[in-house]
Amino acid sequence: AIPSQDDLDAYIKSKAAPDGIVLTKYQFRQLFTLAERVTCDNFATANIPANYKAILVTMFKDLELSGDVQLTNPQTAQGVRLLGQLGLLTPARAEDILANRPAPTE
């Protein structure tokens, strides 16, 4: 049987750290503007050194395999801040995302 949305929401909430913000992958992506999502999705064409592109491949694979995204997870914070350091986001937008602040309207 397929669980109800309420059951799924309760399960996700039960997996959160006491002070953690847990989002579905879709909710996480919606914290990014459309332009930021396009830029991040197409990082392979960006002017980024190959060793950082390899790191991004692994980061996005980890995201793909995850069940949810916990914004307070140190790996999440490190990954989002790396996007800012590499110019795929601004550092200020990386901090907005980690604070669960929605993308500004475009």
PDB file of N, CA and C in Angstrom:
ATOM      1  N   ALA A   1       0.833  -1.183   0.000  1.00  0.00           N
ATOM      2  CA  ALA A   1       0.000   0.000   0.000  1.00  0.00           C
ATOM      3  C   ALA A   1       0.878   1.247   0.000  1.00  0.00           C
ATOM      4  N   ILE A   2       0.390   2.275  -0.662  1.00  0.00           N
ATOM      5  CA  ILE A   2       1.099   3.541  -0.735  1.00  0.00           C
ATOM      6  C   ILE A   2       0.741   4.364   0.502  1.00  0.00           C
ATOM      7  N   PRO A   3       1.758   4.873   1.218  1.00  0.00           N
ATOM      8  CA  PRO A   3       1.458   5.657   2.421  1.00  0.00           C
ATOM      9  C   PRO A   3       0.788   6.979   2.054  1.00  0.00           C
ATOM     10  N   SER A   4       0.007   7.500   2.976  1.00  0.00           N
ATOM     11  CA  SER A   4      -0.651   8.795   2.758  1.00  0.00           C
ATOM     12  C   SER A   4       0.374   9.917   2.867  1.00  0.00           C
ATOM     13  N   GLN A   5       0.000  11.080   2.374  1.00  0.00           N
ATOM     14  CA  GLN A   5       0.882  12.240   2.487  1.00  0.00           C
ATOM     15  C   GLN A   5       1.148  12.574   3.954  1.00  0.00           C
ATOM     16  N   ASP A   6       0.126  12.429   4.799  1.00  0.00           N
ATOM     17  CA  ASP A   6       0.316  12.690   6.233  1.00  0.00           C
ATOM     18  C   ASP A   6       1.342  11.741   6.837  1.00  0.00           C
ATOM     19  N   ASP A   7       1.279  10.450   6.453  1.00  0.00           N
ATOM     20  CA  ASP A   7       2.253   9.478   6.942  1.00  0.00           C
ATOM     21  C   ASP A   7       3.657   9.824   6.464  1.00  0.00           C
ATOM     22  N   LEU A   8       3.778  10.225   5.200  1.00  0.00           N
ATOM     23  CA  LEU A   8       5.083  10.610   4.654  1.00  0.00           C
ATOM     24  C   LEU A   8       5.624  11.849   5.359  1.00  0.00           C
ATOM     25  N   ASP A   9       4.753  12.846   5.568  1.00  0.00           N
ATOM     26  CA  ASP A   9       5.186  14.061   6.263  1.00  0.00           C
ATOM     27  C   ASP A   9       5.643  13.755   7.689  1.00  0.00           C
ATOM     28  N   ALA A  10       4.903  12.884   8.381  1.00  0.00           N
ATOM     29  CA  ALA A  10       5.279  12.504   9.749  1.00  0.00           C
ATOM     30  C   ALA A  10       6.613  11.773   9.756  1.00  0.00           C
ATOM     31  N   TYR A  11       6.842  10.913   8.767  1.00  0.00           N
ATOM     32  CA  TYR A  11       8.109  10.177   8.677  1.00  0.00           C
ATOM     33  C   TYR A  11       9.266  11.152   8.460  1.00  0.00           C
ATOM     34  N   ILE A  12       9.097  12.082   7.536  1.00  0.00           N
ATOM     35  CA  ILE A  12      10.156  13.053   7.255  1.00  0.00           C
ATOM     36  C   ILE A  12      10.444  13.881   8.499  1.00  0.00           C
ATOM     37  N   LYS A  13       9.392  14.331   9.163  1.00  0.00           N
ATOM     38  CA  LYS A  13       9.575  15.133  10.376  1.00  0.00           C
ATOM     39  C   LYS A  13      10.286  14.333  11.468  1.00  0.00           C
ATOM     40  N   SER A  14      10.006  13.032  11.560  1.00  0.00           N
ATOM     41  CA  SER A  14      10.631  12.207  12.587  1.00  0.00           C
ATOM     42  C   SER A  14      12.124  12.022  12.352  1.00  0.00           C
ATOM     43  N   LYS A  15      12.568  12.215  11.121  1.00  0.00           N
ATOM     44  CA  LYS A  15      13.982  12.046  10.789  1.00  0.00           C
ATOM     45  C   LYS A  15      14.785  13.324  10.990  1.00  0.00           C
ATOM     46  N   ALA A  16      14.126  14.419  11.299  1.00  0.00           N
ATOM     47  CA  ALA A  16      14.817  15.692  11.464  1.00  0.00           C
ATOM     48  C   ALA A  16      15.546  15.746  12.799  1.00  0.00           C
ATOM     49  N   ALA A  17      16.681  16.398  12.780  1.00  0.00           N
ATOM     50  CA  ALA A  17      17.355  16.697  14.043  1.00  0.00           C
ATOM     51  C   ALA A  17      16.462  17.679  14.796  1.00  0.00           C
ATOM     52  N   PRO A  18      16.557  17.740  16.106  1.00  0.00           N
ATOM     53  CA  PRO A  18      15.675  18.618  16.867  1.00  0.00           C
ATOM     54  C   PRO A  18      15.641  20.054  16.349  1.00  0.00           C
ATOM     55  N   ASP A  19      16.771  20.568  15.920  1.00  0.00           N
ATOM     56  CA  ASP A  19      16.796  21.944  15.422  1.00  0.00           C
ATOM     57  C   ASP A  19      16.959  21.977  13.907  1.00  0.00           C
ATOM     58  N   GLY A  20      16.824  20.850  13.248  1.00  0.00           N
ATOM     59  CA  GLY A  20      17.059  20.774  11.823  1.00  0.00           C
ATOM     60  C   GLY A  20      15.849  21.128  10.987  1.00  0.00           C
ATOM     61  N   ILE A  21      16.116  21.635   9.797  1.00  0.00           N
ATOM     62  CA  ILE A  21      15.078  21.905   8.824  1.00  0.00           C
ATOM     63  C   ILE A  21      15.214  20.840   7.745  1.00  0.00           C
ATOM     64  N   VAL A  22      14.193  20.006   7.605  1.00  0.00           N
ATOM     65  CA  VAL A  22      14.221  18.938   6.622  1.00  0.00           C
ATOM     66  C   VAL A  22      13.252  19.280   5.508  1.00  0.00           C
ATOM     67  N   LEU A  23      13.746  19.201   4.280  1.00  0.00           N
ATOM     68  CA  LEU A  23      12.946  19.504   3.103  1.00  0.00           C
ATOM     69  C   LEU A  23      12.988  18.327   2.139  1.00  0.00           C
ATOM     70  N   THR A  24      11.949  18.214   1.329  1.00  0.00           N
ATOM     71  CA  THR A  24      12.039  17.283   0.214  1.00  0.00           C
ATOM     72  C   THR A  24      13.050  17.869  -0.766  1.00  0.00           C
ATOM     73  N   LYS A  25      13.519  17.062  -1.670  1.00  0.00           N
ATOM     74  CA  LYS A  25      14.462  17.569  -2.662  1.00  0.00           C
ATOM     75  C   LYS A  25      13.821  18.665  -3.513  1.00  0.00           C
ATOM     76  N   TYR A  26      12.535  18.497  -3.824  1.00  0.00           N
ATOM     77  CA  TYR A  26      11.830  19.521  -4.597  1.00  0.00           C
ATOM     78  C   TYR A  26      11.741  20.831  -3.813  1.00  0.00           C
ATOM     79  N   GLN A  27      11.387  20.748  -2.537  1.00  0.00           N
ATOM     80  CA  GLN A  27      11.323  21.957  -1.707  1.00  0.00           C
ATOM     81  C   GLN A  27      12.691  22.642  -1.644  1.00  0.00           C
ATOM     82  N   PHE A  28      13.739  21.838  -1.541  1.00  0.00           N
ATOM     83  CA  PHE A  28      15.091  22.377  -1.517  1.00  0.00           C
ATOM     84  C   PHE A  28      15.389  23.123  -2.814  1.00  0.00           C
ATOM     85  N   ARG A  29      15.089  22.501  -3.934  1.00  0.00           N
ATOM     86  CA  ARG A  29      15.346  23.144  -5.236  1.00  0.00           C
ATOM     87  C   ARG A  29      14.560  24.440  -5.383  1.00  0.00           C
ATOM     88  N   GLN A  30      13.376  24.502  -4.799  1.00  0.00           N
ATOM     89  CA  GLN A  30      12.555  25.701  -4.917  1.00  0.00           C
ATOM     90  C   GLN A  30      13.107  26.879  -4.121  1.00  0.00           C
ATOM     91  N   LEU A  31      14.085  26.628  -3.258  1.00  0.00           N
ATOM     92  CA  LEU A  31      14.769  27.725  -2.577  1.00  0.00           C
ATOM     93  C   LEU A  31      15.677  28.498  -3.531  1.00  0.00           C
ATOM     94  N   PHE A  32      16.020  27.885  -4.657  1.00  0.00           N
ATOM     95  CA  PHE A  32      16.859  28.500  -5.682  1.00  0.00           C
ATOM     96  C   PHE A  32      15.965  29.204  -6.703  1.00  0.00           C
ATOM     97  N   THR A  33      16.436  30.292  -7.273  1.00  0.00           N
ATOM     98  CA  THR A  33      15.699  30.914  -8.371  1.00  0.00           C
ATOM     99  C   THR A  33      15.793  29.992  -9.589  1.00  0.00           C
ATOM    100  N   LEU A  34      14.944  30.240 -10.573  1.00  0.00           N
ATOM    101  CA  LEU A  34      15.014  29.456 -11.809  1.00  0.00           C
ATOM    102  C   LEU A  34      16.397  29.612 -12.443  1.00  0.00           C
ATOM    103  N   ALA A  35      16.896  30.832 -12.488  1.00  0.00           N
ATOM    104  CA  ALA A  35      18.219  31.061 -13.085  1.00  0.00           C
ATOM    105  C   ALA A  35      19.305  30.307 -12.324  1.00  0.00           C
ATOM    106  N   GLU A  36      19.215  30.284 -11.010  1.00  0.00           N
ATOM    107  CA  GLU A  36      20.205  29.543 -10.211  1.00  0.00           C
ATOM    108  C   GLU A  36      20.106  28.051 -10.465  1.00  0.00           C
ATOM    109  N   ARG A  37      18.889  27.522 -10.576  1.00  0.00           N
ATOM    110  CA  ARG A  37      18.729  26.090 -10.868  1.00  0.00           C
ATOM    111  C   ARG A  37      19.321  25.755 -12.219  1.00  0.00           C
ATOM    112  N   VAL A  38      19.061  26.597 -13.208  1.00  0.00           N
ATOM    113  CA  VAL A  38      19.614  26.360 -14.546  1.00  0.00           C
ATOM    114  C   VAL A  38      21.139  26.381 -14.492  1.00  0.00           C
ATOM    115  N   THR A  39      21.693  27.369 -13.813  1.00  0.00           N
ATOM    116  CA  THR A  39      23.151  27.478 -13.707  1.00  0.00           C
ATOM    117  C   THR A  39      23.749  26.254 -13.006  1.00  0.00           C
ATOM    118  N   CYS A  40      23.152  25.854 -11.888  1.00  0.00           N
ATOM    119  CA  CYS A  40      23.672  24.702 -11.141  1.00  0.00           C
ATOM    120  C   CYS A  40      23.500  23.408 -11.935  1.00  0.00           C
ATOM    121  N   ASP A  41      22.358  23.261 -12.611  1.00  0.00           N
ATOM    122  CA  ASP A  41      22.116  22.051 -13.389  1.00  0.00           C
ATOM    123  C   ASP A  41      23.085  21.916 -14.558  1.00  0.00           C
ATOM    124  N   ASN A  42      23.622  23.037 -14.998  1.00  0.00           N
ATOM    125  CA  ASN A  42      24.511  23.037 -16.164  1.00  0.00           C
ATOM    126  C   ASN A  42      25.935  23.435 -15.799  1.00  0.00           C
ATOM    127  N   PHE A  43      26.355  23.083 -14.592  1.00  0.00           N
ATOM    128  CA  PHE A  43      27.683  23.473 -14.118  1.00  0.00           C
ATOM    129  C   PHE A  43      28.793  22.946 -15.011  1.00  0.00           C
ATOM    130  N   ALA A  44      28.540  21.864 -15.743  1.00  0.00           N
ATOM    131  CA  ALA A  44      29.577  21.272 -16.598  1.00  0.00           C
ATOM    132  C   ALA A  44      30.057  22.246 -17.666  1.00  0.00           C
ATOM    133  N   THR A  45      29.213  23.207 -18.038  1.00  0.00           N
ATOM    134  CA  THR A  45      29.599  24.185 -19.060  1.00  0.00           C
ATOM    135  C   THR A  45      30.225  25.437 -18.449  1.00  0.00           C
ATOM    136  N   ALA A  46      30.237  25.531 -17.124  1.00  0.00           N
ATOM    137  CA  ALA A  46      30.779  26.709 -16.449  1.00  0.00           C
ATOM    138  C   ALA A  46      32.300  26.678 -16.454  1.00  0.00           C
ATOM    139  N   ASN A  47      32.892  27.827 -16.289  1.00  0.00           N
ATOM    140  CA  ASN A  47      34.349  27.951 -16.241  1.00  0.00           C
ATOM    141  C   ASN A  47      34.819  27.647 -14.814  1.00  0.00           C
ATOM    142  N   ILE A  48      34.805  26.354 -14.502  1.00  0.00           N
ATOM    143  CA  ILE A  48      35.187  25.864 -13.173  1.00  0.00           C
ATOM    144  C   ILE A  48      36.288  24.820 -13.373  1.00  0.00           C
ATOM    145  N   PRO A  49      37.334  24.827 -12.545  1.00  0.00           N
ATOM    146  CA  PRO A  49      38.393  23.820 -12.674  1.00  0.00           C
ATOM    147  C   PRO A  49      37.828  22.389 -12.579  1.00  0.00           C
ATOM    148  N   ALA A  50      38.458  21.488 -13.285  1.00  0.00           N
ATOM    149  CA  ALA A  50      37.988  20.097 -13.377  1.00  0.00           C
ATOM    150  C   ALA A  50      37.852  19.427 -12.015  1.00  0.00           C
ATOM    151  N   ASN A  51      38.768  19.710 -11.089  1.00  0.00           N
ATOM    152  CA  ASN A  51      38.670  19.060  -9.782  1.00  0.00           C
ATOM    153  C   ASN A  51      37.404  19.499  -9.032  1.00  0.00           C
ATOM    154  N   TYR A  52      36.976  20.743  -9.222  1.00  0.00           N
ATOM    155  CA  TYR A  52      35.734  21.199  -8.585  1.00  0.00           C
ATOM    156  C   TYR A  52      34.509  20.633  -9.299  1.00  0.00           C
ATOM    157  N   LYS A  53      34.604  20.470 -10.618  1.00  0.00           N
ATOM    158  CA  LYS A  53      33.498  19.833 -11.342  1.00  0.00           C
ATOM    159  C   LYS A  53      33.306  18.402 -10.850  1.00  0.00           C
ATOM    160  N   ALA A  54      34.406  17.711 -10.565  1.00  0.00           N
ATOM    161  CA  ALA A  54      34.312  16.346 -10.043  1.00  0.00           C
ATOM    162  C   ALA A  54      33.625  16.343  -8.674  1.00  0.00           C
ATOM    163  N   ILE A  55      33.941  17.319  -7.852  1.00  0.00           N
ATOM    164  CA  ILE A  55      33.289  17.433  -6.542  1.00  0.00           C
ATOM    165  C   ILE A  55      31.790  17.675  -6.726  1.00  0.00           C
ATOM    166  N   LEU A  56      31.427  18.550  -7.658  1.00  0.00           N
ATOM    167  CA  LEU A  56      30.012  18.840  -7.907  1.00  0.00           C
ATOM    168  C   LEU A  56      29.262  17.617  -8.418  1.00  0.00           C
ATOM    169  N   VAL A  57      29.894  16.823  -9.266  1.00  0.00           N
ATOM    170  CA  VAL A  57      29.252  15.589  -9.739  1.00  0.00           C
ATOM    171  C   VAL A  57      28.901  14.706  -8.547  1.00  0.00           C
ATOM    172  N   THR A  58      29.840  14.557  -7.630  1.00  0.00           N
ATOM    173  CA  THR A  58      29.606  13.725  -6.446  1.00  0.00           C
ATOM    174  C   THR A  58      28.547  14.344  -5.541  1.00  0.00           C
ATOM    175  N   MET A  59      28.590  15.651  -5.346  1.00  0.00           N
ATOM    176  CA  MET A  59      27.587  16.314  -4.511  1.00  0.00           C
ATOM    177  C   MET A  59      26.185  16.113  -5.069  1.00  0.00           C
ATOM    178  N   PHE A  60      26.034  16.316  -6.386  1.00  0.00           N
ATOM    179  CA  PHE A  60      24.705  16.182  -6.984  1.00  0.00           C
ATOM    180  C   PHE A  60      24.247  14.732  -7.005  1.00  0.00           C
ATOM    181  N   LYS A  61      25.175  13.797  -7.100  1.00  0.00           N
ATOM    182  CA  LYS A  61      24.820  12.377  -7.015  1.00  0.00           C
ATOM    183  C   LYS A  61      24.327  12.052  -5.604  1.00  0.00           C
ATOM    184  N   ASP A  62      25.009  12.582  -4.592  1.00  0.00           N
ATOM    185  CA  ASP A  62      24.558  12.391  -3.208  1.00  0.00           C
ATOM    186  C   ASP A  62      23.152  12.953  -3.022  1.00  0.00           C
ATOM    187  N   LEU A  63      22.894  14.125  -3.591  1.00  0.00           N
ATOM    188  CA  LEU A  63      21.564  14.718  -3.495  1.00  0.00           C
ATOM    189  C   LEU A  63      20.533  13.828  -4.186  1.00  0.00           C
ATOM    190  N   GLU A  64      20.891  13.335  -5.346  1.00  0.00           N
ATOM    191  CA  GLU A  64      19.987  12.450  -6.095  1.00  0.00           C
ATOM    192  C   GLU A  64      19.625  11.209  -5.286  1.00  0.00           C
ATOM    193  N   LEU A  65      20.565  10.670  -4.552  1.00  0.00           N
ATOM    194  CA  LEU A  65      20.345   9.439  -3.793  1.00  0.00           C
ATOM    195  C   LEU A  65      19.727   9.678  -2.417  1.00  0.00           C
ATOM    196  N   SER A  66      19.697  10.918  -1.978  1.00  0.00           N
ATOM    197  CA  SER A  66      19.157  11.200  -0.653  1.00  0.00           C
ATOM    198  C   SER A  66      17.641  11.110  -0.647  1.00  0.00           C
ATOM    199  N   GLY A  67      17.099  10.879   0.541  1.00  0.00           N
ATOM    200  CA  GLY A  67      15.653  10.861   0.683  1.00  0.00           C
ATOM    201  C   GLY A  67      15.101  12.255   0.925  1.00  0.00           C
ATOM    202  N   ASP A  68      15.898  13.108   1.531  1.00  0.00           N
ATOM    203  CA  ASP A  68      15.481  14.461   1.843  1.00  0.00           C
ATOM    204  C   ASP A  68      16.738  15.310   2.025  1.00  0.00           C
ATOM    205  N   VAL A  69      16.537  16.576   2.315  1.00  0.00           N
ATOM    206  CA  VAL A  69      17.660  17.495   2.509  1.00  0.00           C
ATOM    207  C   VAL A  69      17.502  18.152   3.866  1.00  0.00           C
ATOM    208  N   GLN A  70      18.523  18.003   4.701  1.00  0.00           N
ATOM    209  CA  GLN A  70      18.521  18.650   6.017  1.00  0.00           C
ATOM    210  C   GLN A  70      19.449  19.854   5.935  1.00  0.00           C
ATOM    211  N   LEU A  71      18.873  21.040   6.046  1.00  0.00           N
ATOM    212  CA  LEU A  71      19.647  22.263   5.872  1.00  0.00           C
ATOM    213  C   LEU A  71      20.724  22.441   6.923  1.00  0.00           C
ATOM    214  N   THR A  72      20.571  21.836   8.096  1.00  0.00           N
ATOM    215  CA  THR A  72      21.580  21.975   9.140  1.00  0.00           C
ATOM    216  C   THR A  72      22.678  20.913   9.058  1.00  0.00           C
ATOM    217  N   ASN A  73      22.571  20.010   8.104  1.00  0.00           N
ATOM    218  CA  ASN A  73      23.606  18.997   7.915  1.00  0.00           C
ATOM    219  C   ASN A  73      24.879  19.694   7.433  1.00  0.00           C
ATOM    220  N   PRO A  74      26.009  19.439   8.064  1.00  0.00           N
ATOM    221  CA  PRO A  74      27.252  20.101   7.648  1.00  0.00           C
ATOM    222  C   PRO A  74      27.605  19.861   6.182  1.00  0.00           C
ATOM    223  N   GLN A  75      27.295  18.689   5.646  1.00  0.00           N
ATOM    224  CA  GLN A  75      27.587  18.439   4.234  1.00  0.00           C
ATOM    225  C   GLN A  75      26.709  19.292   3.323  1.00  0.00           C
ATOM    226  N   THR A  76      25.458  19.492   3.723  1.00  0.00           N
ATOM    227  CA  THR A  76      24.575  20.364   2.950  1.00  0.00           C
ATOM    228  C   THR A  76      25.126  21.780   2.951  1.00  0.00           C
ATOM    229  N   ALA A  77      25.476  22.265   4.136  1.00  0.00           N
ATOM    230  CA  ALA A  77      26.008  23.625   4.249  1.00  0.00           C
ATOM    231  C   ALA A  77      27.287  23.780   3.426  1.00  0.00           C
ATOM    232  N   GLN A  78      28.164  22.808   3.512  1.00  0.00           N
ATOM    233  CA  GLN A  78      29.417  22.865   2.766  1.00  0.00           C
ATOM    234  C   GLN A  78      29.147  22.886   1.258  1.00  0.00           C
ATOM    235  N   GLY A  79      28.224  22.062   0.819  1.00  0.00           N
ATOM    236  CA  GLY A  79      27.908  21.985  -0.606  1.00  0.00           C
ATOM    237  C   GLY A  79      27.278  23.260  -1.127  1.00  0.00           C
ATOM    238  N   VAL A  80      26.313  23.813  -0.399  1.00  0.00           N
ATOM    239  CA  VAL A  80      25.657  25.039  -0.849  1.00  0.00           C
ATOM    240  C   VAL A  80      26.643  26.199  -0.844  1.00  0.00           C
ATOM    241  N   ARG A  81      27.482  26.256   0.170  1.00  0.00           N
ATOM    242  CA  ARG A  81      28.490  27.337   0.212  1.00  0.00           C
ATOM    243  C   ARG A  81      29.512  27.182  -0.914  1.00  0.00           C
ATOM    244  N   LEU A  82      29.825  25.946  -1.284  1.00  0.00           N
ATOM    245  CA  LEU A  82      30.732  25.735  -2.413  1.00  0.00           C
ATOM    246  C   LEU A  82      30.119  26.286  -3.700  1.00  0.00           C
ATOM    247  N   LEU A  83      28.814  26.107  -3.871  1.00  0.00           N
ATOM    248  CA  LEU A  83      28.150  26.681  -5.049  1.00  0.00           C
ATOM    249  C   LEU A  83      28.366  28.192  -5.092  1.00  0.00           C
ATOM    250  N   GLY A  84      28.310  28.825  -3.919  1.00  0.00           N
ATOM    251  CA  GLY A  84      28.561  30.258  -3.848  1.00  0.00           C
ATOM    252  C   GLY A  84      30.010  30.612  -4.141  1.00  0.00           C
ATOM    253  N   GLN A  85      30.928  29.830  -3.611  1.00  0.00           N
ATOM    254  CA  GLN A  85      32.352  30.099  -3.834  1.00  0.00           C
ATOM    255  C   GLN A  85      32.739  29.923  -5.294  1.00  0.00           C
ATOM    256  N   LEU A  86      32.055  29.017  -5.990  1.00  0.00           N
ATOM    257  CA  LEU A  86      32.375  28.757  -7.394  1.00  0.00           C
ATOM    258  C   LEU A  86      31.650  29.699  -8.348  1.00  0.00           C
ATOM    259  N   GLY A  87      30.801  30.562  -7.807  1.00  0.00           N
ATOM    260  CA  GLY A  87      30.108  31.533  -8.642  1.00  0.00           C
ATOM    261  C   GLY A  87      28.815  31.035  -9.263  1.00  0.00           C
ATOM    262  N   LEU A  88      28.367  29.837  -8.862  1.00  0.00           N
ATOM    263  CA  LEU A  88      27.097  29.336  -9.376  1.00  0.00           C
ATOM    264  C   LEU A  88      25.929  30.020  -8.662  1.00  0.00           C
ATOM    265  N   LEU A  89      26.192  30.535  -7.481  1.00  0.00           N
ATOM    266  CA  LEU A  89      25.280  31.358  -6.681  1.00  0.00           C
ATOM    267  C   LEU A  89      26.128  32.486  -6.122  1.00  0.00           C
ATOM    268  N   THR A  90      25.489  33.484  -5.574  1.00  0.00           N
ATOM    269  CA  THR A  90      26.271  34.453  -4.799  1.00  0.00           C
ATOM    270  C   THR A  90      26.414  33.879  -3.389  1.00  0.00           C
ATOM    271  N   PRO A  91      27.457  34.229  -2.688  1.00  0.00           N
ATOM    272  CA  PRO A  91      27.581  33.766  -1.308  1.00  0.00           C
ATOM    273  C   PRO A  91      26.373  34.160  -0.449  1.00  0.00           C
ATOM    274  N   ALA A  92      25.800  35.338  -0.694  1.00  0.00           N
ATOM    275  CA  ALA A  92      24.622  35.766   0.070  1.00  0.00           C
ATOM    276  C   ALA A  92      23.427  34.857  -0.214  1.00  0.00           C
ATOM    277  N   ARG A  93      23.244  34.443  -1.460  1.00  0.00           N
ATOM    278  CA  ARG A  93      22.144  33.542  -1.806  1.00  0.00           C
ATOM    279  C   ARG A  93      22.369  32.174  -1.178  1.00  0.00           C
ATOM    280  N   ALA A  94      23.613  31.727  -1.107  1.00  0.00           N
ATOM    281  CA  ALA A  94      23.901  30.446  -0.453  1.00  0.00           C
ATOM    282  C   ALA A  94      23.439  30.498   0.997  1.00  0.00           C
ATOM    283  N   GLU A  95      23.699  31.599   1.683  1.00  0.00           N
ATOM    284  CA  GLU A  95      23.280  31.737   3.080  1.00  0.00           C
ATOM    285  C   GLU A  95      21.761  31.827   3.190  1.00  0.00           C
ATOM    286  N   ASP A  96      21.124  32.492   2.230  1.00  0.00           N
ATOM    287  CA  ASP A  96      19.650  32.534   2.212  1.00  0.00           C
ATOM    288  C   ASP A  96      19.075  31.130   2.107  1.00  0.00           C
ATOM    289  N   ILE A  97      19.631  30.335   1.225  1.00  0.00           N
ATOM    290  CA  ILE A  97      19.145  28.964   1.017  1.00  0.00           C
ATOM    291  C   ILE A  97      19.307  28.153   2.298  1.00  0.00           C
ATOM    292  N   LEU A  98      20.462  28.268   2.926  1.00  0.00           N
ATOM    293  CA  LEU A  98      20.707  27.520   4.155  1.00  0.00           C
ATOM    294  C   LEU A  98      19.813  27.974   5.308  1.00  0.00           C
ATOM    295  N   ALA A  99      19.327  29.205   5.218  1.00  0.00           N
ATOM    296  CA  ALA A  99      18.409  29.726   6.234  1.00  0.00           C
ATOM    297  C   ALA A  99      16.952  29.458   5.866  1.00  0.00           C
ATOM    298  N   ASN A 100      16.735  28.689   4.791  1.00  0.00           N
ATOM    299  CA  ASN A 100      15.384  28.320   4.343  1.00  0.00           C
ATOM    300  C   ASN A 100      14.578  29.545   3.918  1.00  0.00           C
ATOM    301  N   ARG A 101      15.276  30.535   3.332  1.00  0.00           N
ATOM    302  CA  ARG A 101      14.593  31.708   2.816  1.00  0.00           C
ATOM    303  C   ARG A 101      14.285  31.481   1.344  1.00  0.00           C
ATOM    304  N   PRO A 102      13.046  31.642   0.928  1.00  0.00           N
ATOM    305  CA  PRO A 102      12.669  31.378  -0.466  1.00  0.00           C
ATOM    306  C   PRO A 102      13.427  32.269  -1.437  1.00  0.00           C
ATOM    307  N   ALA A 103      13.473  31.796  -2.657  1.00  0.00           N
ATOM    308  CA  ALA A 103      14.126  32.567  -3.717  1.00  0.00           C
ATOM    309  C   ALA A 103      13.342  33.858  -3.934  1.00  0.00           C
ATOM    310  N   PRO A 104      14.048  34.940  -4.213  1.00  0.00           N
ATOM    311  CA  PRO A 104      13.342  36.182  -4.535  1.00  0.00           C
ATOM    312  C   PRO A 104      12.570  36.006  -5.840  1.00  0.00           C
ATOM    313  N   THR A 105      11.521  36.749  -5.991  1.00  0.00           N
ATOM    314  CA  THR A 105      10.762  36.647  -7.236  1.00  0.00           C
ATOM    315  C   THR A 105      11.606  37.220  -8.363  1.00  0.00           C
ATOM    316  N   GLU A 106      11.510  36.536  -9.483  1.00  0.00           N
ATOM    317  CA  GLU A 106      12.347  36.965 -10.619  1.00  0.00           C
ATOM    318  C   GLU A 106      11.570  37.879 -11.530  1.00  0.00           C
TER     319      GLU A 106
END
